[in-house]
PDB file of N, CA and C in Angstrom:
ATOM      1  N   UNK A   1       0.832  -1.187   0.000  1.00  0.00           N
ATOM      2  CA  UNK A   1       0.000   0.000   0.000  1.00  0.00           C
ATOM      3  C   UNK A   1       0.874   1.248   0.000  1.00  0.00           C
ATOM      4  N   UNK A   2       0.543   2.183  -0.826  1.00  0.00           N
ATOM      5  CA  UNK A   2       1.367   3.383  -0.951  1.00  0.00           C
ATOM      6  C   UNK A   2       1.163   4.373   0.182  1.00  0.00           C
ATOM      7  N   UNK A   3       0.032   4.309   0.905  1.00  0.00           N
ATOM      8  CA  UNK A   3      -0.202   5.283   1.966  1.00  0.00           C
ATOM      9  C   UNK A   3       0.609   4.979   3.218  1.00  0.00           C
ATOM     10  N   UNK A   4       1.149   3.764   3.366  1.00  0.00           N
ATOM     11  CA  UNK A   4       1.956   3.395   4.525  1.00  0.00           C
ATOM     12  C   UNK A   4       3.429   3.723   4.336  1.00  0.00           C
ATOM     13  N   UNK A   5       3.782   4.254   3.215  1.00  0.00           N
ATOM     14  CA  UNK A   5       5.187   4.492   2.898  1.00  0.00           C
ATOM     15  C   UNK A   5       5.600   5.912   3.221  1.00  0.00           C
ATOM     16  N   UNK A   6       6.894   6.113   3.360  1.00  0.00           N
ATOM     17  CA  UNK A   6       7.448   7.451   3.564  1.00  0.00           C
ATOM     18  C   UNK A   6       7.786   8.022   2.197  1.00  0.00           C
ATOM     19  N   UNK A   7       7.238   9.199   1.910  1.00  0.00           N
ATOM     20  CA  UNK A   7       7.450   9.853   0.615  1.00  0.00           C
ATOM     21  C   UNK A   7       8.367  11.046   0.800  1.00  0.00           C
ATOM     22  N   UNK A   8       9.308  11.222  -0.132  1.00  0.00           N
ATOM     23  CA  UNK A   8      10.233  12.362  -0.116  1.00  0.00           C
ATOM     24  C   UNK A   8      10.093  13.133  -1.416  1.00  0.00           C
ATOM     25  N   UNK A   9      10.008  14.452  -1.283  1.00  0.00           N
ATOM     26  CA  UNK A   9       9.886  15.299  -2.466  1.00  0.00           C
ATOM     27  C   UNK A   9      11.256  15.477  -3.109  1.00  0.00           C
ATOM     28  N   UNK A  10      11.293  15.438  -4.408  1.00  0.00           N
ATOM     29  CA  UNK A  10      12.531  15.620  -5.151  1.00  0.00           C
ATOM     30  C   UNK A  10      13.131  16.991  -4.892  1.00  0.00           C
ATOM     31  N   UNK A  11      14.440  17.046  -4.751  1.00  0.00           N
ATOM     32  CA  UNK A  11      15.116  18.333  -4.593  1.00  0.00           C
ATOM     33  C   UNK A  11      15.101  19.129  -5.887  1.00  0.00           C
ATOM     34  N   UNK A  12      14.741  18.475  -6.990  1.00  0.00           N
ATOM     35  CA  UNK A  12      14.656  19.155  -8.280  1.00  0.00           C
ATOM     36  C   UNK A  12      13.249  19.677  -8.573  1.00  0.00           C
ATOM     37  N   UNK A  13      12.327  19.449  -7.645  1.00  0.00           N
ATOM     38  CA  UNK A  13      10.970  19.957  -7.842  1.00  0.00           C
ATOM     39  C   UNK A  13      10.983  21.473  -7.806  1.00  0.00           C
ATOM     40  N   UNK A  14      10.110  22.050  -8.572  1.00  0.00           N
ATOM     41  CA  UNK A  14      10.030  23.502  -8.677  1.00  0.00           C
ATOM     42  C   UNK A  14       9.580  24.118  -7.366  1.00  0.00           C
ATOM     43  N   UNK A  15      10.256  25.146  -6.924  1.00  0.00           N
ATOM     44  CA  UNK A  15       9.903  25.853  -5.692  1.00  0.00           C
ATOM     45  C   UNK A  15       8.986  27.036  -5.960  1.00  0.00           C
ATOM     46  N   UNK A  16       8.671  27.296  -7.213  1.00  0.00           N
ATOM     47  CA  UNK A  16       7.883  28.491  -7.537  1.00  0.00           C
ATOM     48  C   UNK A  16       6.384  28.214  -7.625  1.00  0.00           C
ATOM     49  N   UNK A  17       5.941  27.023  -7.191  1.00  0.00           N
ATOM     50  CA  UNK A  17       4.513  26.715  -7.170  1.00  0.00           C
ATOM     51  C   UNK A  17       3.917  26.348  -8.507  1.00  0.00           C
ATOM     52  N   UNK A  18       4.748  26.029  -9.491  1.00  0.00           N
ATOM     53  CA  UNK A  18       4.234  25.701 -10.823  1.00  0.00           C
ATOM     54  C   UNK A  18       3.631  24.302 -10.892  1.00  0.00           C
ATOM     55  N   UNK A  19       3.728  23.537  -9.798  1.00  0.00           N
ATOM     56  CA  UNK A  19       3.115  22.219  -9.778  1.00  0.00           C
ATOM     57  C   UNK A  19       3.986  21.100 -10.280  1.00  0.00           C
ATOM     58  N   UNK A  20       5.232  21.347 -10.554  1.00  0.00           N
ATOM     59  CA  UNK A  20       6.133  20.323 -11.062  1.00  0.00           C
ATOM     60  C   UNK A  20       6.839  19.633  -9.892  1.00  0.00           C
ATOM     61  N   UNK A  21       6.088  18.878  -9.122  1.00  0.00           N
ATOM     62  CA  UNK A  21       6.627  18.232  -7.933  1.00  0.00           C
ATOM     63  C   UNK A  21       6.546  16.720  -8.067  1.00  0.00           C
ATOM     64  N   UNK A  22       7.643  16.059  -7.752  1.00  0.00           N
ATOM     65  CA  UNK A  22       7.720  14.611  -7.808  1.00  0.00           C
ATOM     66  C   UNK A  22       8.149  14.115  -6.443  1.00  0.00           C
ATOM     67  N   UNK A  23       7.528  13.021  -5.988  1.00  0.00           N
ATOM     68  CA  UNK A  23       7.915  12.387  -4.743  1.00  0.00           C
ATOM     69  C   UNK A  23       8.322  10.952  -5.026  1.00  0.00           C
ATOM     70  N   UNK A  24       9.236  10.449  -4.199  1.00  0.00           N
ATOM     71  CA  UNK A  24       9.687   9.070  -4.347  1.00  0.00           C
ATOM     72  C   UNK A  24       9.626   8.391  -2.979  1.00  0.00           C
ATOM     73  N   UNK A  25       9.299   7.122  -2.998  1.00  0.00           N
ATOM     74  CA  UNK A  25       9.292   6.298  -1.795  1.00  0.00           C
ATOM     75  C   UNK A  25      10.155   5.078  -2.074  1.00  0.00           C
ATOM     76  N   UNK A  26      11.190   4.911  -1.258  1.00  0.00           N
ATOM     77  CA  UNK A  26      12.125   3.813  -1.472  1.00  0.00           C
ATOM     78  C   UNK A  26      11.961   2.760  -0.376  1.00  0.00           C
ATOM     79  N   UNK A  27      11.855   1.527  -0.760  1.00  0.00           N
ATOM     80  CA  UNK A  27      11.818   0.387   0.150  1.00  0.00           C
ATOM     81  C   UNK A  27      12.484  -0.755  -0.615  1.00  0.00           C
ATOM     82  N   UNK A  28      11.812  -1.864  -0.795  1.00  0.00           N
ATOM     83  CA  UNK A  28      12.353  -2.938  -1.623  1.00  0.00           C
ATOM     84  C   UNK A  28      12.206  -2.590  -3.089  1.00  0.00           C
ATOM     85  N   UNK A  29      11.396  -1.591  -3.374  1.00  0.00           N
ATOM     86  CA  UNK A  29      11.201  -1.085  -4.726  1.00  0.00           C
ATOM     87  C   UNK A  29      11.185   0.433  -4.644  1.00  0.00           C
ATOM     88  N   UNK A  30      10.952   1.089  -5.735  1.00  0.00           N
ATOM     89  CA  UNK A  30      10.862   2.553  -5.752  1.00  0.00           C
ATOM     90  C   UNK A  30       9.537   2.932  -6.394  1.00  0.00           C
ATOM     91  N   UNK A  31       8.809   3.808  -5.713  1.00  0.00           N
ATOM     92  CA  UNK A  31       7.560   4.324  -6.250  1.00  0.00           C
ATOM     93  C   UNK A  31       7.716   5.813  -6.481  1.00  0.00           C
ATOM     94  N   UNK A  32       7.146   6.308  -7.566  1.00  0.00           N
ATOM     95  CA  UNK A  32       7.229   7.727  -7.915  1.00  0.00           C
ATOM     96  C   UNK A  32       5.814   8.219  -8.175  1.00  0.00           C
ATOM     97  N   UNK A  33       5.494   9.411  -7.630  1.00  0.00           N
ATOM     98  CA  UNK A  33       4.164   9.975  -7.824  1.00  0.00           C
ATOM     99  C   UNK A  33       4.241  11.492  -7.938  1.00  0.00           C
ATOM    100  N   UNK A  34       3.170  12.067  -8.420  1.00  0.00           N
ATOM    101  CA  UNK A  34       3.004  13.514  -8.489  1.00  0.00           C
ATOM    102  C   UNK A  34       2.528  13.978  -7.118  1.00  0.00           C
ATOM    103  N   UNK A  35       3.297  14.851  -6.455  1.00  0.00           N
ATOM    104  CA  UNK A  35       2.935  15.273  -5.103  1.00  0.00           C
ATOM    105  C   UNK A  35       1.654  16.090  -5.072  1.00  0.00           C
ATOM    106  N   UNK A  36       1.262  16.676  -6.184  1.00  0.00           N
ATOM    107  CA  UNK A  36       0.020  17.439  -6.239  1.00  0.00           C
ATOM    108  C   UNK A  36      -1.200  16.536  -6.400  1.00  0.00           C
ATOM    109  N   UNK A  37      -0.953  15.246  -6.680  1.00  0.00           N
ATOM    110  CA  UNK A  37      -2.025  14.272  -6.853  1.00  0.00           C
ATOM    111  C   UNK A  37      -1.603  12.970  -6.175  1.00  0.00           C
ATOM    112  N   UNK A  38      -1.427  13.035  -4.856  1.00  0.00           N
ATOM    113  CA  UNK A  38      -0.893  11.904  -4.104  1.00  0.00           C
ATOM    114  C   UNK A  38      -1.743  10.646  -4.217  1.00  0.00           C
ATOM    115  N   UNK A  39      -3.016  10.788  -4.493  1.00  0.00           N
ATOM    116  CA  UNK A  39      -3.885   9.623  -4.641  1.00  0.00           C
ATOM    117  C   UNK A  39      -3.967   9.112  -6.060  1.00  0.00           C
ATOM    118  N   UNK A  40      -3.219   9.723  -6.964  1.00  0.00           N
ATOM    119  CA  UNK A  40      -3.263   9.340  -8.373  1.00  0.00           C
ATOM    120  C   UNK A  40      -2.352   8.179  -8.703  1.00  0.00           C
ATOM    121  N   UNK A  41      -2.044   8.067  -9.966  1.00  0.00           N
ATOM    122  CA  UNK A  41      -1.202   6.976 -10.448  1.00  0.00           C
ATOM    123  C   UNK A  41       0.195   7.031  -9.855  1.00  0.00           C
ATOM    124  N   UNK A  42       0.805   5.862  -9.726  1.00  0.00           N
ATOM    125  CA  UNK A  42       2.143   5.713  -9.175  1.00  0.00           C
ATOM    126  C   UNK A  42       2.970   4.882 -10.152  1.00  0.00           C
ATOM    127  N   UNK A  43       4.187   5.315 -10.432  1.00  0.00           N
ATOM    128  CA  UNK A  43       5.121   4.520 -11.233  1.00  0.00           C
ATOM    129  C   UNK A  43       5.925   3.641 -10.280  1.00  0.00           C
ATOM    130  N   UNK A  44       6.057   2.365 -10.588  1.00  0.00           N
ATOM    131  CA  UNK A  44       6.803   1.434  -9.752  1.00  0.00           C
ATOM    132  C   UNK A  44       8.034   0.940 -10.496  1.00  0.00           C
ATOM    133  N   UNK A  45       9.157   0.916  -9.798  1.00  0.00           N
ATOM    134  CA  UNK A  45      10.422   0.439 -10.352  1.00  0.00           C
ATOM    135  C   UNK A  45      10.992  -0.620  -9.422  1.00  0.00           C
ATOM    136  N   UNK A  46      11.546  -1.679  -9.980  1.00  0.00           N
ATOM    137  CA  UNK A  46      12.293  -2.626  -9.154  1.00  0.00           C
ATOM    138  C   UNK A  46      13.568  -1.922  -8.694  1.00  0.00           C
ATOM    139  N   UNK A  47      14.204  -2.439  -7.656  1.00  0.00           N
ATOM    140  CA  UNK A  47      15.431  -1.812  -7.153  1.00  0.00           C
ATOM    141  C   UNK A  47      16.508  -1.717  -8.241  1.00  0.00           C
ATOM    142  N   UNK A  48      16.775  -2.772  -9.013  1.00  0.00           N
ATOM    143  CA  UNK A  48      17.786  -2.658 -10.075  1.00  0.00           C
ATOM    144  C   UNK A  48      17.400  -1.636 -11.149  1.00  0.00           C
ATOM    145  N   UNK A  49      16.113  -1.587 -11.505  1.00  0.00           N
ATOM    146  CA  UNK A  49      15.673  -0.623 -12.514  1.00  0.00           C
ATOM    147  C   UNK A  49      15.814   0.802 -11.999  1.00  0.00           C
ATOM    148  N   UNK A  50      15.497   1.031 -10.718  1.00  0.00           N
ATOM    149  CA  UNK A  50      15.626   2.370 -10.123  1.00  0.00           C
ATOM    150  C   UNK A  50      17.090   2.807 -10.118  1.00  0.00           C
ATOM    151  N   UNK A  51      17.994   1.906  -9.700  1.00  0.00           N
ATOM    152  CA  UNK A  51      19.430   2.239  -9.680  1.00  0.00           C
ATOM    153  C   UNK A  51      19.915   2.568 -11.088  1.00  0.00           C
ATOM    154  N   UNK A  52      19.480   1.818 -12.084  1.00  0.00           N
ATOM    155  CA  UNK A  52      19.878   2.082 -13.464  1.00  0.00           C
ATOM    156  C   UNK A  52      19.354   3.453 -13.927  1.00  0.00           C
ATOM    157  N   UNK A  53      18.104   3.780 -13.586  1.00  0.00           N
ATOM    158  CA  UNK A  53      17.528   5.078 -13.982  1.00  0.00           C
ATOM    159  C   UNK A  53      18.289   6.224 -13.322  1.00  0.00           C
ATOM    160  N   UNK A  54      18.523   6.124 -12.025  1.00  0.00           N
ATOM    161  CA  UNK A  54      19.235   7.181 -11.304  1.00  0.00           C
ATOM    162  C   UNK A  54      20.654   7.334 -11.843  1.00  0.00           C
ATOM    163  N   UNK A  55      21.309   6.220 -12.132  1.00  0.00           N
ATOM    164  CA  UNK A  55      22.656   6.261 -12.707  1.00  0.00           C
ATOM    165  C   UNK A  55      22.649   6.937 -14.075  1.00  0.00           C
ATOM    166  N   UNK A  56      21.667   6.609 -14.888  1.00  0.00           N
ATOM    167  CA  UNK A  56      21.554   7.182 -16.226  1.00  0.00           C
ATOM    168  C   UNK A  56      21.285   8.691 -16.145  1.00  0.00           C
ATOM    169  N   UNK A  57      20.432   9.104 -15.201  1.00  0.00           N
ATOM    170  CA  UNK A  57      20.111  10.527 -15.050  1.00  0.00           C
ATOM    171  C   UNK A  57      21.271  11.330 -14.469  1.00  0.00           C
ATOM    172  N   UNK A  58      22.080  10.662 -13.630  1.00  0.00           N
ATOM    173  CA  UNK A  58      23.158  11.357 -12.922  1.00  0.00           C
ATOM    174  C   UNK A  58      24.319  11.655 -13.771  1.00  0.00           C
TER     175      UNK A  58
END
């Protein structure tokens, strides 16, 4: 369940209120959601896929 998880807002989210906010919850997998729509859709990544994405972005 996504409501039992700890969510952290991305440090790259816009601070000017434009609504471009992303949150991530890390456990055995990684979940990503729009912080302005916390009850909406969630992207799920396996741990290896999340590490590969973060490595590619970094």
